[in-house]
PDB file of all heavy atoms in Angstrom:
ATOM      1  N   PHE A   1     125.352 100.351  97.877  1.00  0.00           N
ATOM      2  CA  PHE A   1     123.857 100.487  97.809  1.00  0.00           C
ATOM      3  C   PHE A   1     123.233  99.134  97.433  1.00  0.00           C
ATOM      4  O   PHE A   1     122.124  98.881  98.005  1.00  0.00           O
ATOM      5  CB  PHE A   1     123.553 101.594  96.654  1.00  0.00           C
ATOM      6  CG  PHE A   1     122.029 101.951  96.560  1.00  0.00           C
ATOM      7  CD1 PHE A   1     121.560 102.687  97.692  1.00  0.00           C
ATOM      8  CD2 PHE A   1     121.285 101.602  95.589  1.00  0.00           C
ATOM      9  CE1 PHE A   1     120.170 103.059  97.699  1.00  0.00           C
ATOM     10  CE2 PHE A   1     119.875 101.995  95.607  1.00  0.00           C
ATOM     11  CZ  PHE A   1     119.399 102.756  96.724  1.00  0.00           C
ATOM     12  N   ALA A   2     123.862  98.380  96.594  1.00  0.00           N
ATOM     13  CA  ALA A   2     123.439  97.016  96.289  1.00  0.00           C
ATOM     14  C   ALA A   2     123.369  96.199  97.482  1.00  0.00           C
ATOM     15  O   ALA A   2     122.389  95.419  97.762  1.00  0.00           O
ATOM     16  CB  ALA A   2     124.247  96.356  95.273  1.00  0.00           C
ATOM     17  N   HIS A   3     124.401  96.266  98.373  1.00  0.00           N
ATOM     18  CA  HIS A   3     124.520  95.529  99.695  1.00  0.00           C
ATOM     19  C   HIS A   3     123.243  95.955 100.501  1.00  0.00           C
ATOM     20  O   HIS A   3     122.659  95.032 101.177  1.00  0.00           O
ATOM     21  CB  HIS A   3     125.740  95.741 100.370  1.00  0.00           C
ATOM     22  CG  HIS A   3     125.877  95.094 101.664  1.00  0.00           C
ATOM     23  ND1 HIS A   3     126.672  95.653 102.687  1.00  0.00           N
ATOM     24  CD2 HIS A   3     125.326  93.848 102.173  1.00  0.00           C
ATOM     25  CE1 HIS A   3     126.640  94.872 103.771  1.00  0.00           C
ATOM     26  NE2 HIS A   3     125.794  93.854 103.393  1.00  0.00           N
ATOM     27  N   LYS A   4     122.988  97.299 100.625  1.00  0.00           N
ATOM     28  CA  LYS A   4     121.955  97.828 101.411  1.00  0.00           C
ATOM     29  C   LYS A   4     120.507  97.067 101.010  1.00  0.00           C
ATOM     30  O   LYS A   4     119.807  96.596 101.803  1.00  0.00           O
ATOM     31  CB  LYS A   4     121.739  99.219 101.277  1.00  0.00           C
ATOM     32  CG  LYS A   4     120.726  99.879 102.237  1.00  0.00           C
ATOM     33  CD  LYS A   4     120.711 101.391 102.100  1.00  0.00           C
ATOM     34  CE  LYS A   4     119.798 102.023 103.173  1.00  0.00           C
ATOM     35  NZ  LYS A   4     120.048 103.476 103.106  1.00  0.00           N
ATOM     36  N   LEU A   5     120.301  97.125  99.655  1.00  0.00           N
ATOM     37  CA  LEU A   5     119.118  96.503  99.225  1.00  0.00           C
ATOM     38  C   LEU A   5     119.039  95.129  99.348  1.00  0.00           C
ATOM     39  O   LEU A   5     117.942  94.534  99.743  1.00  0.00           O
ATOM     40  CB  LEU A   5     118.884  96.840  97.708  1.00  0.00           C
ATOM     41  CG  LEU A   5     118.836  98.395  97.312  1.00  0.00           C
ATOM     42  CD1 LEU A   5     118.558  98.507  95.920  1.00  0.00           C
ATOM     43  CD2 LEU A   5     117.620  99.018  98.188  1.00  0.00           C
ATOM     44  N   ASP A   6     120.242  94.315  99.179  1.00  0.00           N
ATOM     45  CA  ASP A   6     120.230  92.906  99.374  1.00  0.00           C
ATOM     46  C   ASP A   6     119.921  92.556 100.967  1.00  0.00           C
ATOM     47  O   ASP A   6     119.181  91.561 101.203  1.00  0.00           O
ATOM     48  CB  ASP A   6     121.582  92.426  99.004  1.00  0.00           C
ATOM     49  CG  ASP A   6     121.753  92.338  97.587  1.00  0.00           C
ATOM     50  OD1 ASP A   6     120.750  92.431  96.724  1.00  0.00           O
ATOM     51  OD2 ASP A   6     122.872  92.160  97.045  1.00  0.00           O
ATOM     52  N   PHE A   7     120.536  93.373 101.725  1.00  0.00           N
ATOM     53  CA  PHE A   7     120.353  93.150 103.214  1.00  0.00           C
ATOM     54  C   PHE A   7     118.877  93.239 103.591  1.00  0.00           C
ATOM     55  O   PHE A   7     118.338  92.396 104.264  1.00  0.00           O
ATOM     56  CB  PHE A   7     121.146  94.231 104.040  1.00  0.00           C
ATOM     57  CG  PHE A   7     121.213  93.960 105.519  1.00  0.00           C
ATOM     58  CD1 PHE A   7     122.323  93.508 106.096  1.00  0.00           C
ATOM     59  CD2 PHE A   7     120.146  94.407 106.352  1.00  0.00           C
ATOM     60  CE1 PHE A   7     122.368  93.297 107.575  1.00  0.00           C
ATOM     61  CE2 PHE A   7     120.056  94.266 107.663  1.00  0.00           C
ATOM     62  CZ  PHE A   7     121.289  93.711 108.284  1.00  0.00           C
ATOM     63  N   VAL A   8     118.198  94.304 103.234  1.00  0.00           N
ATOM     64  CA  VAL A   8     116.759  94.487 103.615  1.00  0.00           C
ATOM     65  C   VAL A   8     115.903  93.382 102.819  1.00  0.00           C
ATOM     66  O   VAL A   8     115.001  93.046 103.474  1.00  0.00           O
ATOM     67  CB  VAL A   8     116.363  95.984 103.120  1.00  0.00           C
ATOM     68  CG1 VAL A   8     114.855  96.120 103.382  1.00  0.00           C
ATOM     69  CG2 VAL A   8     117.119  96.996 103.869  1.00  0.00           C
ATOM     70  N   ALA A   9     116.361  93.040 101.639  1.00  0.00           N
ATOM     71  CA  ALA A   9     115.510  92.004 101.070  1.00  0.00           C
ATOM     72  C   ALA A   9     115.628  90.735 101.734  1.00  0.00           C
ATOM     73  O   ALA A   9     114.643  89.854 101.850  1.00  0.00           O
ATOM     74  CB  ALA A   9     115.976  91.851  99.548  1.00  0.00           C
ATOM     75  N   GLU A  10     116.826  90.223 102.195  1.00  0.00           N
ATOM     76  CA  GLU A  10     116.984  89.049 103.043  1.00  0.00           C
ATOM     77  C   GLU A  10     116.221  89.145 104.381  1.00  0.00           C
ATOM     78  O   GLU A  10     115.519  88.179 104.674  1.00  0.00           O
ATOM     79  CB  GLU A  10     118.580  88.890 103.334  1.00  0.00           C
ATOM     80  CG  GLU A  10     119.207  88.264 102.260  1.00  0.00           C
ATOM     81  CD  GLU A  10     120.620  87.687 102.635  1.00  0.00           C
ATOM     82  OE1 GLU A  10     120.850  87.620 103.892  1.00  0.00           O
ATOM     83  OE2 GLU A  10     121.408  87.403 101.784  1.00  0.00           O
ATOM     84  N   ALA A  11     116.237  90.312 105.081  1.00  0.00           N
ATOM     85  CA  ALA A  11     115.542  90.458 106.279  1.00  0.00           C
ATOM     86  C   ALA A  11     114.083  90.378 106.034  1.00  0.00           C
ATOM     87  O   ALA A  11     113.299  89.757 106.920  1.00  0.00           O
ATOM     88  CB  ALA A  11     115.796  91.750 106.893  1.00  0.00           C
ATOM     89  N   THR A  12     113.526  90.882 104.890  1.00  0.00           N
ATOM     90  CA  THR A  12     112.083  90.755 104.620  1.00  0.00           C
ATOM     91  C   THR A  12     111.652  89.378 104.293  1.00  0.00           C
ATOM     92  O   THR A  12     110.683  88.930 104.794  1.00  0.00           O
ATOM     93  CB  THR A  12     111.888  91.747 103.287  1.00  0.00           C
ATOM     94  OG1 THR A  12     112.221  93.016 103.481  1.00  0.00           O
ATOM     95  CG2 THR A  12     110.397  91.564 102.827  1.00  0.00           C
ATOM     96  N   ALA A  13     112.610  88.581 103.551  1.00  0.00           N
ATOM     97  CA  ALA A  13     112.230  87.244 103.263  1.00  0.00           C
ATOM     98  C   ALA A  13     112.326  86.468 104.646  1.00  0.00           C
ATOM     99  O   ALA A  13     111.407  85.542 104.669  1.00  0.00           O
ATOM    100  CB  ALA A  13     113.297  86.640 102.338  1.00  0.00           C
ATOM    101  N   TRP A  14     113.211  86.753 105.448  1.00  0.00           N
ATOM    102  CA  TRP A  14     113.226  86.029 106.867  1.00  0.00           C
ATOM    103  C   TRP A  14     111.895  86.370 107.683  1.00  0.00           C
ATOM    104  O   TRP A  14     111.303  85.400 108.201  1.00  0.00           O
ATOM    105  CB  TRP A  14     114.342  86.668 107.656  1.00  0.00           C
ATOM    106  CG  TRP A  14     114.590  85.889 108.895  1.00  0.00           C
ATOM    107  CD1 TRP A  14     114.906  84.613 109.128  1.00  0.00           C
ATOM    108  CD2 TRP A  14     114.709  86.578 110.134  1.00  0.00           C
ATOM    109  NE1 TRP A  14     115.124  84.348 110.506  1.00  0.00           N
ATOM    110  CE2 TRP A  14     115.056  85.549 111.087  1.00  0.00           C
ATOM    111  CE3 TRP A  14     114.586  87.882 110.597  1.00  0.00           C
ATOM    112  CZ2 TRP A  14     115.163  85.853 112.548  1.00  0.00           C
ATOM    113  CZ3 TRP A  14     114.722  88.140 111.981  1.00  0.00           C
ATOM    114  CH2 TRP A  14     115.049  87.094 112.907  1.00  0.00           C
ATOM    115  N   CYS A  15     111.370  87.484 107.571  1.00  0.00           N
ATOM    116  CA  CYS A  15     110.169  87.862 108.298  1.00  0.00           C
ATOM    117  C   CYS A  15     108.919  87.174 107.622  1.00  0.00           C
ATOM    118  O   CYS A  15     108.050  86.583 108.329  1.00  0.00           O
ATOM    119  CB  CYS A  15     109.990  89.331 108.309  1.00  0.00           C
ATOM    120  SG  CYS A  15     110.847  90.221 109.594  1.00  0.00           S
ATOM    121  N   LEU A  16     108.897  87.004 106.295  1.00  0.00           N
ATOM    122  CA  LEU A  16     107.837  86.418 105.630  1.00  0.00           C
ATOM    123  C   LEU A  16     107.859  84.839 105.927  1.00  0.00           C
ATOM    124  O   LEU A  16     106.768  84.370 106.166  1.00  0.00           O
ATOM    125  CB  LEU A  16     107.998  86.548 104.082  1.00  0.00           C
ATOM    126  CG  LEU A  16     107.538  87.877 103.476  1.00  0.00           C
ATOM    127  CD1 LEU A  16     107.999  87.963 102.014  1.00  0.00           C
ATOM    128  CD2 LEU A  16     106.039  88.050 103.674  1.00  0.00           C
ATOM    129  N   GLU A  17     109.038  84.315 106.089  1.00  0.00           N
ATOM    130  CA  GLU A  17     109.190  82.931 106.388  1.00  0.00           C
ATOM    131  C   GLU A  17     108.725  82.692 107.806  1.00  0.00           C
ATOM    132  O   GLU A  17     108.012  81.606 108.074  1.00  0.00           O
ATOM    133  CB  GLU A  17     110.552  82.464 106.260  1.00  0.00           C
ATOM    134  CG  GLU A  17     110.916  80.998 106.590  1.00  0.00           C
ATOM    135  CD  GLU A  17     112.331  80.617 106.362  1.00  0.00           C
ATOM    136  OE1 GLU A  17     113.082  81.421 105.881  1.00  0.00           O
ATOM    137  OE2 GLU A  17     112.697  79.508 106.876  1.00  0.00           O
ATOM    138  N   ARG A  18     108.877  83.509 108.748  1.00  0.00           N
ATOM    139  CA  ARG A  18     108.566  83.338 110.075  1.00  0.00           C
ATOM    140  C   ARG A  18     107.051  83.805 110.344  1.00  0.00           C
ATOM    141  O   ARG A  18     106.563  83.205 111.329  1.00  0.00           O
ATOM    142  CB  ARG A  18     109.419  84.277 111.031  1.00  0.00           C
ATOM    143  CG  ARG A  18     110.931  84.028 110.931  1.00  0.00           C
ATOM    144  CD  ARG A  18     111.754  84.858 111.770  1.00  0.00           C
ATOM    145  NE  ARG A  18     111.726  84.350 113.117  1.00  0.00           N
ATOM    146  CZ  ARG A  18     111.777  85.233 114.125  1.00  0.00           C
ATOM    147  NH1 ARG A  18     111.730  86.450 114.090  1.00  0.00           N
ATOM    148  NH2 ARG A  18     111.725  84.680 115.435  1.00  0.00           N
ATOM    149  N   GLY A  19     106.489  84.589 109.540  1.00  0.00           N
ATOM    150  CA  GLY A  19     105.131  85.061 109.788  1.00  0.00           C
ATOM    151  C   GLY A  19     105.093  86.242 110.658  1.00  0.00           C
ATOM    152  O   GLY A  19     106.085  86.807 111.053  1.00  0.00           O
ATOM    153  N   PRO A  20     103.839  86.701 110.899  1.00  0.00           N
ATOM    154  CA  PRO A  20     103.738  88.001 111.741  1.00  0.00           C
ATOM    155  C   PRO A  20     104.544  87.863 113.029  1.00  0.00           C
ATOM    156  O   PRO A  20     104.288  86.871 113.717  1.00  0.00           O
ATOM    157  CB  PRO A  20     102.150  88.083 111.908  1.00  0.00           C
ATOM    158  CG  PRO A  20     101.598  87.285 110.723  1.00  0.00           C
ATOM    159  CD  PRO A  20     102.584  86.229 110.474  1.00  0.00           C
ATOM    160  N   ALA A  21     105.082  88.910 113.366  1.00  0.00           N
ATOM    161  CA  ALA A  21     105.879  88.971 114.690  1.00  0.00           C
ATOM    162  C   ALA A  21     104.891  88.870 115.857  1.00  0.00           C
ATOM    163  O   ALA A  21     103.752  89.379 115.821  1.00  0.00           O
ATOM    164  CB  ALA A  21     106.748  90.250 114.776  1.00  0.00           C
ATOM    165  N   ARG A  22     105.265  88.278 116.909  1.00  0.00           N
ATOM    166  CA  ARG A  22     104.600  88.103 118.039  1.00  0.00           C
ATOM    167  C   ARG A  22     105.418  88.259 119.383  1.00  0.00           C
ATOM    168  O   ARG A  22     106.474  87.721 119.433  1.00  0.00           O
ATOM    169  CB  ARG A  22     103.853  86.687 118.193  1.00  0.00           C
ATOM    170  CG  ARG A  22     102.820  86.417 117.177  1.00  0.00           C
ATOM    171  CD  ARG A  22     102.157  84.979 117.188  1.00  0.00           C
ATOM    172  NE  ARG A  22     101.061  84.950 116.252  1.00  0.00           N
ATOM    173  CZ  ARG A  22     101.244  84.399 115.148  1.00  0.00           C
ATOM    174  NH1 ARG A  22     102.492  84.106 114.655  1.00  0.00           N
ATOM    175  NH2 ARG A  22     100.254  84.235 114.298  1.00  0.00           N
ATOM    176  N   ARG A  23     104.876  89.079 120.162  1.00  0.00           N
ATOM    177  CA  ARG A  23     105.655  89.485 121.387  1.00  0.00           C
ATOM    178  C   ARG A  23     106.965  89.819 121.172  1.00  0.00           C
ATOM    179  O   ARG A  23     107.978  89.159 121.637  1.00  0.00           O
ATOM    180  CB  ARG A  23     105.466  88.363 122.464  1.00  0.00           C
ATOM    181  CG  ARG A  23     105.801  88.883 123.862  1.00  0.00           C
ATOM    182  CD  ARG A  23     105.327  87.899 125.020  1.00  0.00           C
ATOM    183  NE  ARG A  23     105.883  88.204 126.308  1.00  0.00           N
ATOM    184  CZ  ARG A  23     105.415  89.187 127.055  1.00  0.00           C
ATOM    185  NH1 ARG A  23     104.321  89.959 126.604  1.00  0.00           N
ATOM    186  NH2 ARG A  23     105.944  89.423 128.189  1.00  0.00           N
ATOM    187  N   ALA A  24     107.330  90.717 120.220  1.00  0.00           N
ATOM    188  CA  ALA A  24     108.580  91.016 119.719  1.00  0.00           C
ATOM    189  C   ALA A  24     108.661  92.521 119.441  1.00  0.00           C
ATOM    190  O   ALA A  24     107.762  93.266 119.145  1.00  0.00           O
ATOM    191  CB  ALA A  24     108.744  90.327 118.281  1.00  0.00           C
ATOM    192  N   VAL A  25     109.991  93.028 119.597  1.00  0.00           N
ATOM    193  CA  VAL A  25     110.344  94.380 119.348  1.00  0.00           C
ATOM    194  C   VAL A  25     111.557  94.416 118.435  1.00  0.00           C
ATOM    195  O   VAL A  25     112.417  93.557 118.516  1.00  0.00           O
ATOM    196  CB  VAL A  25     110.646  95.110 120.617  1.00  0.00           C
ATOM    197  CG1 VAL A  25     111.163  96.603 120.397  1.00  0.00           C
ATOM    198  CG2 VAL A  25     109.559  95.061 121.528  1.00  0.00           C
ATOM    199  N   MET A  26     111.539  95.236 117.423  1.00  0.00           N
ATOM    200  CA  MET A  26     112.661  95.491 116.575  1.00  0.00           C
ATOM    201  C   MET A  26     113.084  96.909 116.618  1.00  0.00           C
ATOM    202  O   MET A  26     112.250  97.783 116.382  1.00  0.00           O
ATOM    203  CB  MET A  26     112.376  94.917 115.193  1.00  0.00           C
ATOM    204  CG  MET A  26     113.595  94.730 114.289  1.00  0.00           C
ATOM    205  SD  MET A  26     113.174  94.556 112.566  1.00  0.00           S
ATOM    206  CE  MET A  26     113.472  96.234 111.963  1.00  0.00           C
ATOM    207  N   VAL A  27     114.365  97.185 116.654  1.00  0.00           N
ATOM    208  CA  VAL A  27     114.917  98.609 116.844  1.00  0.00           C
ATOM    209  C   VAL A  27     116.226  98.624 115.973  1.00  0.00           C
ATOM    210  O   VAL A  27     116.785  97.593 115.584  1.00  0.00           O
ATOM    211  CB  VAL A  27     115.266  98.949 118.252  1.00  0.00           C
ATOM    212  CG1 VAL A  27     114.005  98.573 119.199  1.00  0.00           C
ATOM    213  CG2 VAL A  27     116.571  98.236 118.767  1.00  0.00           C
ATOM    214  N   GLY A  28     116.552  99.860 115.764  1.00  0.00           N
ATOM    215  CA  GLY A  28     117.905 100.036 115.256  1.00  0.00           C
ATOM    216  C   GLY A  28     118.000 101.329 114.252  1.00  0.00           C
ATOM    217  O   GLY A  28     117.051 102.001 113.973  1.00  0.00           O
ATOM    218  N   ASP A  29     119.174 101.488 113.838  1.00  0.00           N
ATOM    219  CA  ASP A  29     119.557 102.431 112.781  1.00  0.00           C
ATOM    220  C   ASP A  29     119.200 101.651 111.407  1.00  0.00           C
ATOM    221  O   ASP A  29     120.117 100.901 110.885  1.00  0.00           O
ATOM    222  CB  ASP A  29     120.963 102.949 112.963  1.00  0.00           C
ATOM    223  CG  ASP A  29     121.395 103.763 111.622  1.00  0.00           C
ATOM    224  OD1 ASP A  29     120.468 104.210 110.917  1.00  0.00           O
ATOM    225  OD2 ASP A  29     122.543 104.222 111.562  1.00  0.00           O
ATOM    226  N   LEU A  30     118.140 101.907 110.739  1.00  0.00           N
ATOM    227  CA  LEU A  30     117.689 101.246 109.611  1.00  0.00           C
ATOM    228  C   LEU A  30     118.087 102.073 108.382  1.00  0.00           C
ATOM    229  O   LEU A  30     117.954 101.545 107.229  1.00  0.00           O
ATOM    230  CB  LEU A  30     116.216 100.947 109.619  1.00  0.00           C
ATOM    231  CG  LEU A  30     115.725 100.078 110.825  1.00  0.00           C
ATOM    232  CD1 LEU A  30     114.239  99.884 110.602  1.00  0.00           C
ATOM    233  CD2 LEU A  30     116.573  98.922 111.050  1.00  0.00           C
ATOM    234  N   ASN A  31     118.700 103.172 108.602  1.00  0.00           N
ATOM    235  CA  ASN A  31     119.368 104.043 107.489  1.00  0.00           C
ATOM    236  C   ASN A  31     118.366 104.363 106.364  1.00  0.00           C
ATOM    237  O   ASN A  31     118.802 104.531 105.185  1.00  0.00           O
ATOM    238  CB  ASN A  31     120.582 103.362 107.007  1.00  0.00           C
ATOM    239  CG  ASN A  31     121.779 103.957 107.693  1.00  0.00           C
ATOM    240  OD1 ASN A  31     121.929 105.203 107.791  1.00  0.00           O
ATOM    241  ND2 ASN A  31     122.682 103.108 108.204  1.00  0.00           N
ATOM    242  N   ILE A  32     117.018 104.321 106.639  1.00  0.00           N
ATOM    243  CA  ILE A  32     116.067 104.664 105.700  1.00  0.00           C
ATOM    244  C   ILE A  32     114.903 105.487 106.394  1.00  0.00           C
ATOM    245  O   ILE A  32     114.465 105.127 107.439  1.00  0.00           O
ATOM    246  CB  ILE A  32     115.408 103.417 105.037  1.00  0.00           C
ATOM    247  CG1 ILE A  32     116.340 102.602 104.332  1.00  0.00           C
ATOM    248  CG2 ILE A  32     114.249 103.920 104.002  1.00  0.00           C
ATOM    249  CD1 ILE A  32     115.823 101.359 103.759  1.00  0.00           C
ATOM    250  N   ALA A  33     114.629 106.720 105.794  1.00  0.00           N
ATOM    251  CA  ALA A  33     113.617 107.526 106.311  1.00  0.00           C
ATOM    252  C   ALA A  33     112.408 107.324 105.389  1.00  0.00           C
ATOM    253  O   ALA A  33     112.390 107.859 104.136  1.00  0.00           O
ATOM    254  CB  ALA A  33     114.076 108.958 106.383  1.00  0.00           C
ATOM    255  N   PRO A  34     111.488 106.556 105.740  1.00  0.00           N
ATOM    256  CA  PRO A  34     110.397 106.145 104.850  1.00  0.00           C
ATOM    257  C   PRO A  34     109.246 107.056 104.526  1.00  0.00           C
ATOM    258  O   PRO A  34     108.751 107.011 103.399  1.00  0.00           O
ATOM    259  CB  PRO A  34     109.748 104.872 105.409  1.00  0.00           C
ATOM    260  CG  PRO A  34     110.044 105.093 106.982  1.00  0.00           C
ATOM    261  CD  PRO A  34     111.302 105.827 107.083  1.00  0.00           C
ATOM    262  N   LEU A  35     108.862 107.985 105.248  1.00  0.00           N
ATOM    263  CA  LEU A  35     107.764 108.835 105.145  1.00  0.00           C
ATOM    264  C   LEU A  35     108.058 110.214 104.647  1.00  0.00           C
ATOM    265  O   LEU A  35     109.259 110.760 104.855  1.00  0.00           O
ATOM    266  CB  LEU A  35     106.957 108.902 106.530  1.00  0.00           C
ATOM    267  CG  LEU A  35     106.436 107.553 107.043  1.00  0.00           C
ATOM    268  CD1 LEU A  35     105.649 107.814 108.318  1.00  0.00           C
ATOM    269  CD2 LEU A  35     105.660 106.860 106.064  1.00  0.00           C
ATOM    270  N   GLU A  36     107.136 110.802 104.011  1.00  0.00           N
ATOM    271  CA  GLU A  36     107.427 112.172 103.487  1.00  0.00           C
ATOM    272  C   GLU A  36     108.035 113.156 104.495  1.00  0.00           C
ATOM    273  O   GLU A  36     108.971 113.943 104.295  1.00  0.00           O
ATOM    274  CB  GLU A  36     106.139 112.717 102.935  1.00  0.00           C
ATOM    275  CG  GLU A  36     106.323 114.160 102.290  1.00  0.00           C
ATOM    276  CD  GLU A  36     105.065 114.677 101.718  1.00  0.00           C
ATOM    277  OE1 GLU A  36     104.100 113.903 101.461  1.00  0.00           O
ATOM    278  OE2 GLU A  36     104.949 115.919 101.324  1.00  0.00           O
ATOM    279  N   HIS A  37     107.493 113.140 105.754  1.00  0.00           N
ATOM    280  CA  HIS A  37     107.900 114.007 106.835  1.00  0.00           C
ATOM    281  C   HIS A  37     108.880 113.334 107.754  1.00  0.00           C
ATOM    282  O   HIS A  37     109.098 113.916 108.885  1.00  0.00           O
ATOM    283  CB  HIS A  37     106.598 114.509 107.543  1.00  0.00           C
ATOM    284  CG  HIS A  37     105.771 115.378 106.684  1.00  0.00           C
ATOM    285  ND1 HIS A  37     106.170 116.464 106.113  1.00  0.00           N
ATOM    286  CD2 HIS A  37     104.513 115.038 106.214  1.00  0.00           C
ATOM    287  CE1 HIS A  37     105.111 116.969 105.345  1.00  0.00           C
ATOM    288  NE2 HIS A  37     104.166 116.078 105.387  1.00  0.00           N
ATOM    289  N   ASP A  38     109.560 112.393 107.220  1.00  0.00           N
ATOM    290  CA  ASP A  38     110.743 111.832 108.059  1.00  0.00           C
ATOM    291  C   ASP A  38     112.061 112.443 107.466  1.00  0.00           C
ATOM    292  O   ASP A  38     112.966 112.094 107.902  1.00  0.00           O
ATOM    293  CB  ASP A  38     110.835 110.258 107.732  1.00  0.00           C
ATOM    294  CG  ASP A  38     109.810 109.484 108.550  1.00  0.00           C
ATOM    295  OD1 ASP A  38     109.199 110.045 109.549  1.00  0.00           O
ATOM    296  OD2 ASP A  38     109.535 108.370 108.215  1.00  0.00           O
ATOM    297  N   VAL A  39     111.870 113.364 106.549  1.00  0.00           N
ATOM    298  CA  VAL A  39     112.989 114.150 106.012  1.00  0.00           C
ATOM    299  C   VAL A  39     112.627 115.607 105.983  1.00  0.00           C
ATOM    300  O   VAL A  39     111.495 115.951 105.791  1.00  0.00           O
ATOM    301  CB  VAL A  39     113.444 113.617 104.671  1.00  0.00           C
ATOM    302  CG1 VAL A  39     113.943 112.113 104.780  1.00  0.00           C
ATOM    303  CG2 VAL A  39     112.297 113.678 103.602  1.00  0.00           C
ATOM    304  N   TRP A  40     113.646 116.450 105.927  1.00  0.00           N
ATOM    305  CA  TRP A  40     113.464 117.853 105.894  1.00  0.00           C
ATOM    306  C   TRP A  40     112.785 118.360 104.611  1.00  0.00           C
ATOM    307  O   TRP A  40     112.168 119.340 104.583  1.00  0.00           O
ATOM    308  CB  TRP A  40     114.703 118.570 106.245  1.00  0.00           C
ATOM    309  CG  TRP A  40     115.810 118.476 105.269  1.00  0.00           C
ATOM    310  CD1 TRP A  40     116.748 117.595 105.172  1.00  0.00           C
ATOM    311  CD2 TRP A  40     116.056 119.426 104.110  1.00  0.00           C
ATOM    312  NE1 TRP A  40     117.638 117.685 104.178  1.00  0.00           N
ATOM    313  CE2 TRP A  40     117.215 118.821 103.533  1.00  0.00           C
ATOM    314  CE3 TRP A  40     115.399 120.478 103.584  1.00  0.00           C
ATOM    315  CZ2 TRP A  40     117.721 119.450 102.311  1.00  0.00           C
ATOM    316  CZ3 TRP A  40     116.053 121.148 102.487  1.00  0.00           C
ATOM    317  CH2 TRP A  40     117.141 120.550 101.838  1.00  0.00           C
ATOM    318  N   SER A  41     113.142 117.663 103.588  1.00  0.00           N
ATOM    319  CA  SER A  41     112.452 117.976 102.222  1.00  0.00           C
ATOM    320  C   SER A  41     112.345 116.703 101.418  1.00  0.00           C
ATOM    321  O   SER A  41     113.233 116.323 100.889  1.00  0.00           O
ATOM    322  CB  SER A  41     113.386 118.992 101.413  1.00  0.00           C
ATOM    323  OG  SER A  41     112.846 119.170 100.097  1.00  0.00           O
ATOM    324  N   HIS A  42     111.074 116.334 101.332  1.00  0.00           N
ATOM    325  CA  HIS A  42     110.808 115.149 100.606  1.00  0.00           C
ATOM    326  C   HIS A  42     111.159 115.349  99.024  1.00  0.00           C
ATOM    327  O   HIS A  42     111.978 114.397  98.539  1.00  0.00           O
ATOM    328  CB  HIS A  42     109.350 114.979 100.612  1.00  0.00           C
ATOM    329  CG  HIS A  42     108.708 113.820  99.777  1.00  0.00           C
ATOM    330  ND1 HIS A  42     109.119 112.475  99.840  1.00  0.00           N
ATOM    331  CD2 HIS A  42     107.920 113.796  98.691  1.00  0.00           C
ATOM    332  CE1 HIS A  42     108.484 111.755  98.886  1.00  0.00           C
ATOM    333  NE2 HIS A  42     107.763 112.595  98.177  1.00  0.00           N
ATOM    334  N   LYS A  43     110.903 116.383  98.424  1.00  0.00           N
ATOM    335  CA  LYS A  43     111.199 116.721  97.120  1.00  0.00           C
ATOM    336  C   LYS A  43     112.702 116.642  96.808  1.00  0.00           C
ATOM    337  O   LYS A  43     113.233 116.066  95.923  1.00  0.00           O
ATOM    338  CB  LYS A  43     110.672 118.020  96.668  1.00  0.00           C
ATOM    339  CG  LYS A  43     110.824 118.314  95.141  1.00  0.00           C
ATOM    340  CD  LYS A  43     110.153 119.579  94.788  1.00  0.00           C
ATOM    341  CE  LYS A  43     110.272 119.911  93.313  1.00  0.00           C
ATOM    342  NZ  LYS A  43     109.651 121.183  92.934  1.00  0.00           N
ATOM    343  N   GLN A  44     113.471 117.284  97.620  1.00  0.00           N
ATOM    344  CA  GLN A  44     114.914 117.482  97.454  1.00  0.00           C
ATOM    345  C   GLN A  44     115.701 116.190  97.737  1.00  0.00           C
ATOM    346  O   GLN A  44     116.782 115.976  97.302  1.00  0.00           O
ATOM    347  CB  GLN A  44     115.474 118.668  98.278  1.00  0.00           C
ATOM    348  CG  GLN A  44     115.018 119.850  97.804  1.00  0.00           C
ATOM    349  CD  GLN A  44     115.762 121.144  98.472  1.00  0.00           C
ATOM    350  OE1 GLN A  44     116.881 121.278  98.535  1.00  0.00           O
ATOM    351  NE2 GLN A  44     114.882 121.910  99.252  1.00  0.00           N
TER     352      GLN A  44
END
């Protein structure tokens, strides 16, 4: 779990350094469901 958070933090810092993406697409299994209705039960 620590590795996961470190990975995302590094990717975030990289994006901040580069600035807003331009003419770019990012895809993948990001292994995080961010929104309430991205999961079958937000509460559980």
